[in-house]
Amino acid sequence: MIEVKRKEKETVGGLLRRFQKSVQAAGIVMTARSHRFFDSPPTKRARRLNALRRVERVKEIKKLKKLGKWKDEERRTK
């Protein structure tokens, strides 16, 4: 739990800003957002299909690199 005490002669805005910064640094907001919706793990079939797609993509990239047609810009756009 994050606790922020008001310093002497500190405005409420400054206190709030310091609190928000400490909350963000602790990663509380990102954790809360990630737990907002339940995301079920992929099924065995889905994992297998994803693995097969990855293998095919790697084969295609190796083939393009061998032919000299693979560029780093292509990889970023896909």
Protein backbone atom coordinates (compact mmCIF):
# COMPACT_ATOMS: atom_id res chain seq x y z
CA MET A 1 0.00 0.00 0.00
CA ILE A 2 1.28 3.43 -0.90
CA GLU A 3 1.28 6.13 1.72
CA VAL A 4 2.17 9.76 1.10
CA LYS A 5 2.28 12.28 3.93
CA ARG A 6 1.89 15.97 3.31
CA LYS A 7 5.09 17.94 3.69
CA GLU A 8 5.19 21.30 5.39
CA LYS A 9 3.95 24.11 3.10
CA GLU A 10 3.03 21.62 0.35
CA THR A 11 -0.05 22.32 -1.72
CA VAL A 12 -2.76 19.73 -2.23
CA GLY A 13 -1.92 19.66 -5.93
CA GLY A 14 1.72 18.91 -5.17
CA LEU A 15 0.73 16.16 -2.76
CA LEU A 16 -1.62 14.63 -5.33
CA ARG A 17 1.07 14.82 -8.03
CA ARG A 18 3.58 13.07 -5.76
CA PHE A 19 1.02 10.39 -4.89
CA GLN A 20 0.19 9.73 -8.55
CA LYS A 21 3.88 9.47 -9.40
CA SER A 22 4.48 6.92 -6.64
CA VAL A 23 1.44 4.87 -7.69
CA GLN A 24 2.63 4.84 -11.28
CA ALA A 25 6.18 3.89 -10.25
CA ALA A 26 4.81 0.97 -8.21
CA GLY A 27 2.92 -0.33 -11.26
CA ILE A 28 -0.42 -0.52 -9.46
CA VAL A 29 -2.42 0.98 -12.34
CA MET A 30 -0.98 -1.42 -14.92
CA THR A 31 -1.64 -4.39 -12.65
CA ALA A 32 -5.24 -3.31 -12.10
CA ARG A 33 -5.78 -2.85 -15.82
CA SER A 34 -4.34 -6.27 -16.62
CA HIS A 35 -6.72 -7.90 -14.11
CA ARG A 36 -9.74 -5.99 -15.36
CA PHE A 37 -10.90 -8.74 -17.73
CA PHE A 38 -10.36 -12.49 -17.46
CA ASP A 39 -8.31 -13.86 -20.32
CA SER A 40 -8.58 -17.62 -20.54
CA PRO A 41 -5.42 -19.52 -21.48
CA PRO A 42 -5.28 -20.87 -25.06
CA THR A 43 -6.47 -24.41 -25.65
CA LYS A 44 -4.10 -27.19 -26.63
CA ARG A 45 -5.34 -26.97 -30.24
CA ALA A 46 -4.82 -23.19 -30.37
CA ARG A 47 -1.27 -23.52 -28.97
CA ARG A 48 -0.45 -26.17 -31.57
CA LEU A 49 -1.83 -24.05 -34.44
CA ASN A 50 0.14 -21.02 -33.26
CA ALA A 51 3.30 -23.10 -33.08
CA LEU A 52 2.72 -24.38 -36.62
CA ARG A 53 2.20 -20.82 -37.90
CA ARG A 54 5.45 -19.76 -36.20
CA VAL A 55 7.35 -22.63 -37.83
CA GLU A 56 5.94 -21.75 -41.25
CA ARG A 57 6.82 -18.06 -40.78
CA VAL A 58 10.41 -18.95 -39.81
CA LYS A 59 10.74 -21.18 -42.89
CA GLU A 60 9.46 -18.38 -45.13
CA ILE A 61 11.88 -15.86 -43.60
CA LYS A 62 14.84 -18.22 -44.04
CA LYS A 63 13.85 -18.77 -47.67
CA LEU A 64 13.59 -15.01 -48.31
CA LYS A 65 16.94 -14.37 -46.60
CA LYS A 66 18.58 -17.01 -48.78
CA LEU A 67 17.20 -15.31 -51.88
CA GLY A 68 18.29 -11.90 -50.60
CA LYS A 69 14.74 -10.54 -50.53
CA TRP A 70 14.37 -10.13 -46.77
CA LYS A 71 14.78 -6.64 -45.30
CA ASP A 72 14.41 -5.43 -41.72
CA GLU A 73 11.70 -2.95 -42.78
CA GLU A 74 9.52 -5.85 -43.96
CA ARG A 75 9.70 -7.46 -40.57
CA ARG A 76 8.47 -4.31 -38.81
CA THR A 77 5.45 -3.88 -41.08
CA LYS A 78 4.14 -7.44 -40.73
